Amino acid sequence: MPLLDFWNSSPQAVAQFTIEQVVKIAGDGNLRDDSSCSEELRQYLAQLPDSGKIRAYIEQCLSSAFPKSGMVLQDLVNELGRRLDYIVANGRYQGTSNRIGFDGTWKSPEGHTVVVEVKTTDAYRVSLATIAGYRNKLQATNVITPRSSILIVVGREDTGELESQARIPGTRFALRVGYPINQHRRIR
């Protein structure tokens, strides 16, 4: 039974599933770009009545890694952007030679766009130059306006690698380290 049909007929049962189980029953169960699984997962997340379940799913992605948990985290963070009243465009799970690999764009009511990059951790090198390149390519193709910035969401508190890149003398990057995901302001 597809996820949305199951959700509509038995939301209490689906509420007991882990996010990994939810992904397995979404679409064909194979989370990838432009798939029925990603489409149905995103529709399901949009239908959740409050952000408590999203928070629980985020915690599951961060505490017990499973195949494609980073991709699921990306969709969860983008859903939080929607609930903060941004106009969100989902990015790609993986970039290709002809498609920019950003995770999402959030446009504020005032017209400012944020290019969002989501990582579970920065234990593996995350290049600030690559992420800035995504923003430049999005501006060059008129997907976003020059009035934009970048938000890097790191799920765990280990941001040392990103901070060290920003401290390199002569770097053009400014980095502000914020609160962990579980300490953000209340979202509806």
N, C-alpha and C. Protein backbone atom coordinates (compact mmCIF):
# COMPACT_ATOMS: atom_id res chain seq x y z
N MET A 1 0.85 -1.18 0.00
CA MET A 1 0.00 0.00 0.00
C MET A 1 0.90 1.25 0.00
N PRO A 2 0.71 2.17 -0.90
CA PRO A 2 1.52 3.39 -0.92
C PRO A 2 1.39 4.18 0.39
N LEU A 3 2.43 4.88 0.71
CA LEU A 3 2.51 5.61 1.97
C LEU A 3 1.32 6.54 2.20
N LEU A 4 0.97 7.37 1.22
CA LEU A 4 -0.10 8.34 1.43
C LEU A 4 -1.45 7.68 1.63
N ASP A 5 -1.71 6.58 0.93
CA ASP A 5 -2.97 5.85 1.15
C ASP A 5 -3.00 5.28 2.57
N PHE A 6 -1.87 4.70 2.98
CA PHE A 6 -1.78 4.14 4.32
C PHE A 6 -1.93 5.24 5.37
N TRP A 7 -1.28 6.38 5.15
CA TRP A 7 -1.36 7.53 6.06
C TRP A 7 -2.80 8.02 6.18
N ASN A 8 -3.50 8.14 5.06
CA ASN A 8 -4.88 8.63 5.06
C ASN A 8 -5.84 7.65 5.74
N SER A 9 -5.58 6.35 5.60
CA SER A 9 -6.48 5.36 6.19
C SER A 9 -6.13 5.03 7.64
N SER A 10 -4.85 5.18 8.01
CA SER A 10 -4.44 4.78 9.36
C SER A 10 -3.27 5.63 9.86
N PRO A 11 -3.51 6.91 10.12
CA PRO A 11 -2.40 7.78 10.56
C PRO A 11 -1.77 7.32 11.88
N GLN A 12 -2.55 6.70 12.75
CA GLN A 12 -1.99 6.24 14.02
C GLN A 12 -0.95 5.14 13.79
N ALA A 13 -1.21 4.28 12.85
CA ALA A 13 -0.25 3.20 12.54
C ALA A 13 1.03 3.78 11.95
N VAL A 14 0.89 4.69 10.99
CA VAL A 14 2.07 5.29 10.36
C VAL A 14 2.87 6.10 11.38
N ALA A 15 2.19 6.71 12.33
CA ALA A 15 2.88 7.51 13.36
C ALA A 15 3.82 6.67 14.21
N GLN A 16 3.60 5.36 14.24
CA GLN A 16 4.47 4.47 15.02
C GLN A 16 5.72 4.05 14.26
N PHE A 17 5.76 4.31 12.97
CA PHE A 17 6.91 3.89 12.15
C PHE A 17 8.11 4.79 12.39
N THR A 18 9.29 4.23 12.23
CA THR A 18 10.50 5.05 12.18
C THR A 18 10.54 5.73 10.81
N ILE A 19 11.37 6.73 10.68
CA ILE A 19 11.47 7.40 9.38
C ILE A 19 12.04 6.44 8.33
N GLU A 20 12.88 5.52 8.73
CA GLU A 20 13.40 4.53 7.78
C GLU A 20 12.27 3.65 7.25
N GLN A 21 11.34 3.26 8.12
CA GLN A 21 10.20 2.46 7.69
C GLN A 21 9.28 3.26 6.78
N VAL A 22 9.11 4.54 7.08
CA VAL A 22 8.28 5.41 6.24
C VAL A 22 8.86 5.47 4.83
N VAL A 23 10.17 5.64 4.74
CA VAL A 23 10.81 5.72 3.42
C VAL A 23 10.61 4.42 2.64
N LYS A 24 10.69 3.30 3.33
CA LYS A 24 10.57 2.00 2.65
C LYS A 24 9.18 1.78 2.04
N ILE A 25 8.15 2.42 2.60
CA ILE A 25 6.81 2.23 2.02
C ILE A 25 6.39 3.40 1.12
N ALA A 26 7.26 4.39 0.98
CA ALA A 26 6.96 5.51 0.08
C ALA A 26 7.33 5.13 -1.35
N GLY A 27 6.42 5.35 -2.26
CA GLY A 27 6.69 5.06 -3.68
C GLY A 27 7.21 3.65 -3.86
N ASP A 28 8.37 3.54 -4.53
CA ASP A 28 8.98 2.22 -4.74
C ASP A 28 9.97 1.88 -3.63
N GLY A 29 10.08 2.74 -2.62
CA GLY A 29 10.98 2.48 -1.50
C GLY A 29 12.44 2.79 -1.76
N ASN A 30 12.74 3.28 -2.95
CA ASN A 30 14.13 3.59 -3.32
C ASN A 30 14.28 5.10 -3.43
N LEU A 31 14.82 5.73 -2.40
CA LEU A 31 14.95 7.18 -2.36
C LEU A 31 16.07 7.64 -3.27
N ARG A 32 15.71 8.39 -4.29
CA ARG A 32 16.67 8.95 -5.24
C ARG A 32 16.01 10.14 -5.91
N ASP A 33 16.80 10.93 -6.61
CA ASP A 33 16.28 12.11 -7.29
C ASP A 33 15.18 11.72 -8.29
N ASP A 34 14.16 12.58 -8.33
CA ASP A 34 13.07 12.43 -9.30
C ASP A 34 12.35 11.08 -9.21
N SER A 35 12.23 10.53 -8.01
CA SER A 35 11.59 9.22 -7.85
C SER A 35 10.22 9.36 -7.20
N SER A 36 9.41 8.33 -7.37
CA SER A 36 8.11 8.31 -6.71
C SER A 36 8.29 8.26 -5.19
N CYS A 37 9.37 7.66 -4.73
CA CYS A 37 9.65 7.59 -3.30
C CYS A 37 9.88 8.99 -2.73
N SER A 38 10.72 9.79 -3.37
CA SER A 38 10.99 11.14 -2.85
C SER A 38 9.74 12.01 -2.93
N GLU A 39 8.99 11.90 -4.00
CA GLU A 39 7.76 12.69 -4.15
C GLU A 39 6.76 12.36 -3.05
N GLU A 40 6.54 11.07 -2.82
CA GLU A 40 5.57 10.67 -1.81
C GLU A 40 6.05 10.99 -0.40
N LEU A 41 7.35 10.83 -0.14
CA LEU A 41 7.90 11.18 1.17
C LEU A 41 7.69 12.67 1.45
N ARG A 42 7.98 13.52 0.48
CA ARG A 42 7.82 14.97 0.66
C ARG A 42 6.36 15.35 0.86
N GLN A 43 5.45 14.71 0.15
CA GLN A 43 4.03 14.98 0.35
C GLN A 43 3.59 14.55 1.75
N TYR A 44 4.08 13.42 2.21
CA TYR A 44 3.76 12.95 3.55
C TYR A 44 4.26 13.94 4.61
N LEU A 45 5.51 14.38 4.48
CA LEU A 45 6.07 15.32 5.46
C LEU A 45 5.24 16.60 5.50
N ALA A 46 4.77 17.06 4.36
CA ALA A 46 3.97 18.28 4.30
C ALA A 46 2.62 18.11 5.00
N GLN A 47 2.14 16.88 5.10
CA GLN A 47 0.83 16.63 5.72
C GLN A 47 0.91 16.43 7.24
N LEU A 48 2.11 16.29 7.78
CA LEU A 48 2.22 16.09 9.23
C LEU A 48 1.66 17.32 9.93
N PRO A 49 0.80 17.12 10.92
CA PRO A 49 0.09 18.25 11.52
C PRO A 49 0.95 19.20 12.35
N ASP A 50 2.04 18.71 12.91
CA ASP A 50 2.92 19.60 13.68
C ASP A 50 4.36 19.16 13.49
N SER A 51 5.26 19.94 14.01
CA SER A 51 6.68 19.66 13.79
C SER A 51 7.29 18.69 14.78
N GLY A 52 6.53 18.24 15.75
CA GLY A 52 7.06 17.28 16.72
C GLY A 52 7.54 16.00 16.07
N LYS A 53 6.78 15.51 15.11
CA LYS A 53 7.17 14.27 14.42
C LYS A 53 8.39 14.52 13.54
N ILE A 54 8.46 15.68 12.93
CA ILE A 54 9.64 16.01 12.11
C ILE A 54 10.88 16.02 12.99
N ARG A 55 10.76 16.62 14.16
CA ARG A 55 11.89 16.64 15.10
C ARG A 55 12.30 15.21 15.46
N ALA A 56 11.33 14.35 15.75
CA ALA A 56 11.64 12.96 16.08
C ALA A 56 12.35 12.27 14.91
N TYR A 57 11.88 12.52 13.69
CA TYR A 57 12.52 11.93 12.52
C TYR A 57 13.94 12.45 12.35
N ILE A 58 14.17 13.74 12.59
CA ILE A 58 15.52 14.31 12.51
C ILE A 58 16.42 13.60 13.52
N GLU A 59 15.93 13.45 14.74
CA GLU A 59 16.73 12.77 15.76
C GLU A 59 17.05 11.34 15.36
N GLN A 60 16.09 10.66 14.70
CA GLN A 60 16.36 9.30 14.22
C GLN A 60 17.46 9.29 13.17
N CYS A 61 17.42 10.25 12.25
CA CYS A 61 18.45 10.33 11.20
C CYS A 61 19.83 10.57 11.79
N LEU A 62 19.89 11.34 12.86
CA LEU A 62 21.18 11.69 13.45
C LEU A 62 21.70 10.64 14.44
N SER A 63 20.80 9.93 15.09
CA SER A 63 21.23 9.00 16.13
C SER A 63 21.47 7.58 15.61
N SER A 64 20.78 7.19 14.57
CA SER A 64 20.95 5.83 14.03
C SER A 64 20.96 5.90 12.52
N ALA A 65 22.15 6.08 11.98
CA ALA A 65 22.28 6.21 10.53
C ALA A 65 21.74 4.96 9.84
N PHE A 66 21.08 5.17 8.75
CA PHE A 66 20.56 4.09 7.91
C PHE A 66 20.80 4.50 6.47
N PRO A 67 20.68 3.57 5.53
CA PRO A 67 20.92 3.94 4.13
C PRO A 67 20.07 5.15 3.71
N LYS A 68 20.71 6.14 3.17
CA LYS A 68 20.07 7.34 2.65
C LYS A 68 19.55 8.27 3.76
N SER A 69 19.99 8.10 5.00
CA SER A 69 19.52 8.97 6.09
C SER A 69 19.89 10.43 5.84
N GLY A 70 21.01 10.68 5.19
CA GLY A 70 21.38 12.06 4.86
C GLY A 70 20.41 12.70 3.89
N MET A 71 19.91 11.91 2.95
CA MET A 71 18.92 12.41 1.99
C MET A 71 17.60 12.70 2.69
N VAL A 72 17.22 11.82 3.61
CA VAL A 72 15.99 12.02 4.37
C VAL A 72 16.12 13.29 5.22
N LEU A 73 17.29 13.46 5.85
CA LEU A 73 17.53 14.66 6.65
C LEU A 73 17.36 15.92 5.80
N GLN A 74 17.84 15.89 4.58
CA GLN A 74 17.68 17.01 3.65
C GLN A 74 16.21 17.36 3.46
N ASP A 75 15.37 16.37 3.23
CA ASP A 75 13.94 16.62 3.05
C ASP A 75 13.29 17.14 4.33
N LEU A 76 13.72 16.62 5.47
CA LEU A 76 13.18 17.09 6.75
C LEU A 76 13.53 18.55 7.01
N VAL A 77 14.76 18.92 6.74
CA VAL A 77 15.18 20.31 6.94
C VAL A 77 14.43 21.23 5.98
N ASN A 78 14.27 20.81 4.73
CA ASN A 78 13.49 21.63 3.79
C ASN A 78 12.04 21.79 4.25
N GLU A 79 11.47 20.76 4.83
CA GLU A 79 10.11 20.88 5.36
C GLU A 79 10.06 21.87 6.51
N LEU A 80 11.10 21.91 7.34
CA LEU A 80 11.16 22.92 8.40
C LEU A 80 11.18 24.32 7.80
N GLY A 81 11.89 24.49 6.68
CA GLY A 81 11.90 25.78 6.00
C GLY A 81 10.51 26.22 5.57
N ARG A 82 9.73 25.28 5.07
CA ARG A 82 8.35 25.59 4.69
C ARG A 82 7.54 26.04 5.91
N ARG A 83 7.76 25.37 7.02
CA ARG A 83 7.03 25.71 8.24
C ARG A 83 7.49 27.01 8.87
N LEU A 84 8.62 27.51 8.42
CA LEU A 84 9.08 28.84 8.82
C LEU A 84 8.61 29.90 7.83
N ASP A 85 7.72 29.52 6.93
CA ASP A 85 7.09 30.39 5.94
C ASP A 85 8.02 30.84 4.81
N TYR A 86 9.03 30.05 4.52
CA TYR A 86 9.83 30.28 3.32
C TYR A 86 9.16 29.55 2.16
N ILE A 87 9.40 30.04 0.96
CA ILE A 87 9.01 29.30 -0.24
C ILE A 87 10.20 28.41 -0.57
N VAL A 88 10.02 27.11 -0.45
CA VAL A 88 11.14 26.17 -0.54
C VAL A 88 11.09 25.42 -1.87
N ALA A 89 12.24 25.37 -2.51
CA ALA A 89 12.41 24.51 -3.68
C ALA A 89 13.41 23.43 -3.28
N ASN A 90 12.97 22.18 -3.35
CA ASN A 90 13.87 21.08 -3.02
C ASN A 90 14.99 21.03 -4.04
N GLY A 91 16.18 20.72 -3.56
CA GLY A 91 17.32 20.52 -4.45
C GLY A 91 17.45 19.06 -4.82
N ARG A 92 18.64 18.69 -5.16
CA ARG A 92 18.92 17.31 -5.56
C ARG A 92 19.62 16.59 -4.43
N TYR A 93 19.41 15.29 -4.37
CA TYR A 93 20.15 14.49 -3.40
C TYR A 93 21.61 14.38 -3.83
N GLN A 94 21.82 14.30 -5.13
CA GLN A 94 23.17 14.20 -5.67
C GLN A 94 23.25 15.05 -6.93
N GLY A 95 24.33 15.81 -7.03
CA GLY A 95 24.54 16.61 -8.23
C GLY A 95 24.97 15.73 -9.39
N THR A 96 24.82 16.26 -10.57
CA THR A 96 25.29 15.58 -11.78
C THR A 96 26.07 16.60 -12.59
N SER A 97 26.64 16.16 -13.69
CA SER A 97 27.42 17.08 -14.51
C SER A 97 26.58 18.22 -15.08
N ASN A 98 25.28 18.01 -15.26
CA ASN A 98 24.44 19.06 -15.84
C ASN A 98 23.36 19.57 -14.89
N ARG A 99 23.41 19.17 -13.61
CA ARG A 99 22.44 19.64 -12.61
C ARG A 99 23.20 20.04 -11.34
N ILE A 100 22.89 21.21 -10.80
CA ILE A 100 23.56 21.74 -9.63
C ILE A 100 23.15 20.93 -8.39
N GLY A 101 24.11 20.59 -7.56
CA GLY A 101 23.88 19.70 -6.43
C GLY A 101 23.50 20.35 -5.12
N PHE A 102 22.81 21.47 -5.13
CA PHE A 102 22.38 22.11 -3.88
C PHE A 102 21.24 21.32 -3.25
N ASP A 103 21.04 21.48 -1.92
CA ASP A 103 20.02 20.71 -1.21
C ASP A 103 18.65 21.38 -1.21
N GLY A 104 18.62 22.68 -1.34
CA GLY A 104 17.35 23.39 -1.38
C GLY A 104 17.57 24.88 -1.44
N THR A 105 16.54 25.61 -1.85
CA THR A 105 16.56 27.07 -1.76
C THR A 105 15.33 27.49 -0.98
N TRP A 106 15.52 28.47 -0.12
CA TRP A 106 14.43 29.02 0.69
C TRP A 106 14.32 30.50 0.36
N LYS A 107 13.16 30.93 -0.08
CA LYS A 107 12.95 32.34 -0.39
C LYS A 107 12.03 32.95 0.66
N SER A 108 12.51 34.05 1.27
CA SER A 108 11.73 34.71 2.32
C SER A 108 10.65 35.58 1.69
N PRO A 109 9.64 35.96 2.47
CA PRO A 109 8.61 36.87 1.95
C PRO A 109 9.19 38.21 1.47
N GLU A 110 10.36 38.58 2.01
CA GLU A 110 11.00 39.83 1.60
C GLU A 110 11.83 39.69 0.33
N GLY A 111 11.94 38.46 -0.20
CA GLY A 111 12.65 38.26 -1.45
C GLY A 111 14.08 37.79 -1.32
N HIS A 112 14.57 37.61 -0.11
CA HIS A 112 15.94 37.11 0.09
C HIS A 112 15.93 35.60 -0.05
N THR A 113 16.88 35.06 -0.80
CA THR A 113 16.96 33.61 -0.98
C THR A 113 18.15 33.05 -0.23
N VAL A 114 17.92 31.90 0.38
CA VAL A 114 18.95 31.18 1.11
C VAL A 114 19.18 29.86 0.39
N VAL A 115 20.43 29.60 0.01
CA VAL A 115 20.80 28.31 -0.55
C VAL A 115 21.16 27.42 0.64
N VAL A 116 20.45 26.31 0.78
CA VAL A 116 20.61 25.45 1.95
C VAL A 116 21.42 24.21 1.60
N GLU A 117 22.37 23.90 2.45
CA GLU A 117 23.18 22.68 2.35
C GLU A 117 23.05 21.95 3.67
N VAL A 118 22.67 20.69 3.63
CA VAL A 118 22.40 19.90 4.84
C VAL A 118 23.42 18.78 4.96
N LYS A 119 24.03 18.67 6.13
CA LYS A 119 24.99 17.61 6.41
C LYS A 119 24.68 17.02 7.78
N THR A 120 24.83 15.71 7.92
CA THR A 120 24.66 15.12 9.23
C THR A 120 25.82 15.51 10.14
N THR A 121 27.00 15.64 9.57
CA THR A 121 28.21 15.96 10.31
C THR A 121 29.20 16.59 9.34
N ASP A 122 30.21 17.26 9.88
CA ASP A 122 31.25 17.74 8.98
C ASP A 122 32.52 16.90 9.14
N ALA A 123 32.34 15.66 9.63
CA ALA A 123 33.48 14.76 9.79
C ALA A 123 34.17 14.51 8.45
N TYR A 124 33.40 14.54 7.38
CA TYR A 124 33.97 14.43 6.04
C TYR A 124 34.05 15.85 5.49
N ARG A 125 35.08 16.14 4.79
CA ARG A 125 35.33 17.51 4.32
C ARG A 125 34.16 18.03 3.48
N VAL A 126 33.65 19.18 3.89
CA VAL A 126 32.60 19.90 3.19
C VAL A 126 33.27 21.16 2.67
N SER A 127 33.39 21.30 1.39
CA SER A 127 34.08 22.44 0.81
C SER A 127 33.17 23.67 0.74
N LEU A 128 33.56 24.72 1.46
CA LEU A 128 32.79 25.96 1.38
C LEU A 128 32.83 26.54 -0.03
N ALA A 129 33.94 26.35 -0.72
CA ALA A 129 34.06 26.85 -2.09
C ALA A 129 33.06 26.15 -3.01
N THR A 130 32.85 24.85 -2.81
CA THR A 130 31.88 24.12 -3.63
C THR A 130 30.48 24.65 -3.38
N ILE A 131 30.14 24.86 -2.12
CA ILE A 131 28.80 25.36 -1.79
C ILE A 131 28.62 26.78 -2.33
N ALA A 132 29.64 27.61 -2.23
CA ALA A 132 29.57 28.95 -2.81
C ALA A 132 29.42 28.86 -4.33
N GLY A 133 30.04 27.86 -4.93
CA GLY A 133 29.88 27.64 -6.37
C GLY A 133 28.45 27.30 -6.75
N TYR A 134 27.76 26.54 -5.89
CA TYR A 134 26.34 26.26 -6.15
C TYR A 134 25.57 27.57 -6.21
N ARG A 135 25.82 28.44 -5.24
CA ARG A 135 25.10 29.72 -5.21
C ARG A 135 25.41 30.53 -6.47
N ASN A 136 26.67 30.58 -6.86
CA ASN A 136 27.06 31.34 -8.06
C ASN A 136 26.38 30.79 -9.31
N LYS A 137 26.31 29.46 -9.43
CA LYS A 137 25.66 28.85 -10.60
C LYS A 137 24.16 29.12 -10.60
N LEU A 138 23.55 29.09 -9.41
CA LEU A 138 22.12 29.39 -9.32
C LEU A 138 21.83 30.84 -9.69
N GLN A 139 22.73 31.74 -9.31
CA GLN A 139 22.58 33.14 -9.70
C GLN A 139 22.78 33.32 -11.20
N ALA A 140 23.78 32.65 -11.75
CA ALA A 140 24.08 32.78 -13.18
C ALA A 140 22.95 32.25 -14.06
N THR A 141 22.21 31.29 -13.57
CA THR A 141 21.10 30.72 -14.34
C THR A 141 19.75 31.34 -13.94
N ASN A 142 19.79 32.41 -13.16
CA ASN A 142 18.61 33.15 -12.72
C ASN A 142 17.62 32.31 -11.91
N VAL A 143 18.11 31.26 -11.26
CA VAL A 143 17.27 30.49 -10.36
C VAL A 143 17.06 31.29 -9.08
N ILE A 144 18.11 32.00 -8.66
CA ILE A 144 18.03 32.89 -7.50
C ILE A 144 18.58 34.25 -7.90
N THR A 145 18.25 35.26 -7.11
CA THR A 145 18.76 36.61 -7.36
C THR A 145 20.09 36.78 -6.65
N PRO A 146 20.82 37.83 -6.98
CA PRO A 146 22.07 38.09 -6.28
C PRO A 146 21.87 38.33 -4.77
N ARG A 147 20.67 38.72 -4.40
CA ARG A 147 20.37 38.93 -2.98
C ARG A 147 20.14 37.58 -2.32
N SER A 148 21.23 36.92 -1.95
CA SER A 148 21.12 35.58 -1.41
C SER A 148 22.26 35.30 -0.44
N SER A 149 22.09 34.24 0.31
CA SER A 149 23.12 33.79 1.23
C SER A 149 23.08 32.27 1.27
N ILE A 150 23.95 31.70 2.08
CA ILE A 150 24.06 30.25 2.20
C ILE A 150 23.84 29.87 3.65
N LEU A 151 23.06 28.82 3.86
CA LEU A 151 22.85 28.26 5.19
C LEU A 151 23.33 26.81 5.15
N ILE A 152 24.30 26.50 5.99
CA ILE A 152 24.77 25.13 6.11
C ILE A 152 24.23 24.59 7.42
N VAL A 153 23.42 23.55 7.32
CA VAL A 153 22.82 22.92 8.48
C VAL A 153 23.61 21.65 8.77
N VAL A 154 24.26 21.63 9.93
CA VAL A 154 25.03 20.46 10.34
C VAL A 154 24.29 19.84 11.53
N GLY A 155 23.87 18.61 11.38
CA GLY A 155 23.03 17.95 12.38
C GLY A 155 23.69 17.73 13.72
N ARG A 156 24.96 17.42 13.71
CA ARG A 156 25.65 17.19 14.97
C ARG A 156 26.56 18.38 15.24
N GLU A 157 26.98 18.51 16.45
CA GLU A 157 27.72 19.70 16.88
C GLU A 157 29.16 19.77 16.41
N ASP A 158 29.64 18.80 15.69
CA ASP A 158 31.04 18.78 15.25
C ASP A 158 31.22 19.61 13.98
N THR A 159 31.44 20.91 14.15
CA THR A 159 31.56 21.83 13.01
C THR A 159 32.99 22.33 12.83
N GLY A 160 33.95 21.67 13.46
CA GLY A 160 35.34 22.14 13.43
C GLY A 160 35.90 22.29 12.04
N GLU A 161 35.61 21.36 11.14
CA GLU A 161 36.14 21.42 9.77
C GLU A 161 35.64 22.67 9.05
N LEU A 162 34.35 22.96 9.16
CA LEU A 162 33.81 24.17 8.52
C LEU A 162 34.42 25.43 9.13
N GLU A 163 34.53 25.44 10.45
CA GLU A 163 35.09 26.61 11.13
C GLU A 163 36.53 26.83 10.73
N SER A 164 37.30 25.76 10.56
CA SER A 164 38.70 25.92 10.19
C SER A 164 38.83 26.49 8.77
N GLN A 165 37.94 26.11 7.87
CA GLN A 165 37.98 26.67 6.51
C GLN A 165 37.70 28.17 6.53
N ALA A 166 36.79 28.59 7.39
CA ALA A 166 36.43 30.01 7.45
C ALA A 166 37.53 30.83 8.09
N ARG A 167 38.42 30.21 8.87
CA ARG A 167 39.49 30.93 9.55
C ARG A 167 40.75 31.06 8.72
N ILE A 168 40.80 30.45 7.56
CA ILE A 168 41.99 30.52 6.72
C ILE A 168 42.23 31.97 6.35
N PRO A 169 43.44 32.49 6.59
CA PRO A 169 43.71 33.90 6.25
C PRO A 169 43.39 34.19 4.78
N GLY A 170 42.71 35.29 4.56
CA GLY A 170 42.37 35.72 3.21
C GLY A 170 41.13 35.04 2.64
N THR A 171 40.49 34.18 3.41
CA THR A 171 39.29 33.52 2.91
C THR A 171 38.18 34.52 2.69
N ARG A 172 37.30 34.24 1.76
CA ARG A 172 36.18 35.13 1.49
C ARG A 172 34.91 34.67 2.19
N PHE A 173 35.03 33.66 3.03
CA PHE A 173 33.86 33.09 3.69
C PHE A 173 33.71 33.62 5.11
N ALA A 174 32.49 33.94 5.47
CA ALA A 174 32.16 34.30 6.84
C ALA A 174 31.25 33.21 7.37
N LEU A 175 31.54 32.70 8.53
CA LEU A 175 30.79 31.59 9.07
C LEU A 175 30.27 31.96 10.44
N ARG A 176 28.98 31.73 10.64
CA ARG A 176 28.37 31.90 11.95
C ARG A 176 27.89 30.53 12.39
N VAL A 177 28.32 30.12 13.55
CA VAL A 177 27.88 28.84 14.08
C VAL A 177 26.70 29.09 14.98
N GLY A 178 25.58 28.43 14.68
CA GLY A 178 24.35 28.63 15.44
C GLY A 178 24.11 27.49 16.41
N TYR A 179 22.90 27.40 16.83
CA TYR A 179 22.50 26.39 17.80
C TYR A 179 22.26 25.06 17.11
N PRO A 180 22.47 23.95 17.83
CA PRO A 180 22.13 22.65 17.25
C PRO A 180 20.65 22.59 16.91
N ILE A 181 20.29 21.69 16.01
CA ILE A 181 18.92 21.57 15.55
C ILE A 181 17.95 21.45 16.71
N ASN A 182 18.31 20.72 17.75
CA ASN A 182 17.36 20.50 18.84
C ASN A 182 17.22 21.70 19.77
N GLN A 183 17.91 22.81 19.48
CA GLN A 183 17.79 24.00 20.32
C GLN A 183 17.22 25.19 19.55
N HIS A 184 16.60 24.96 18.41
CA HIS A 184 16.03 26.05 17.61
C HIS A 184 14.72 26.54 18.23
N ARG A 185 14.27 27.67 17.75
CA ARG A 185 13.00 28.19 18.26
C ARG A 185 11.85 27.29 17.81
N ARG A 186 10.77 27.38 18.51
CA ARG A 186 9.63 26.50 18.23
C ARG A 186 9.06 26.78 16.84
N ILE A 187 8.86 25.73 16.09
CA ILE A 187 8.30 25.81 14.75
C ILE A 187 6.94 25.14 14.78
N ARG A 188 5.99 25.74 14.10
CA ARG A 188 4.62 25.19 14.13
C ARG A 188 4.57 23.79 13.61
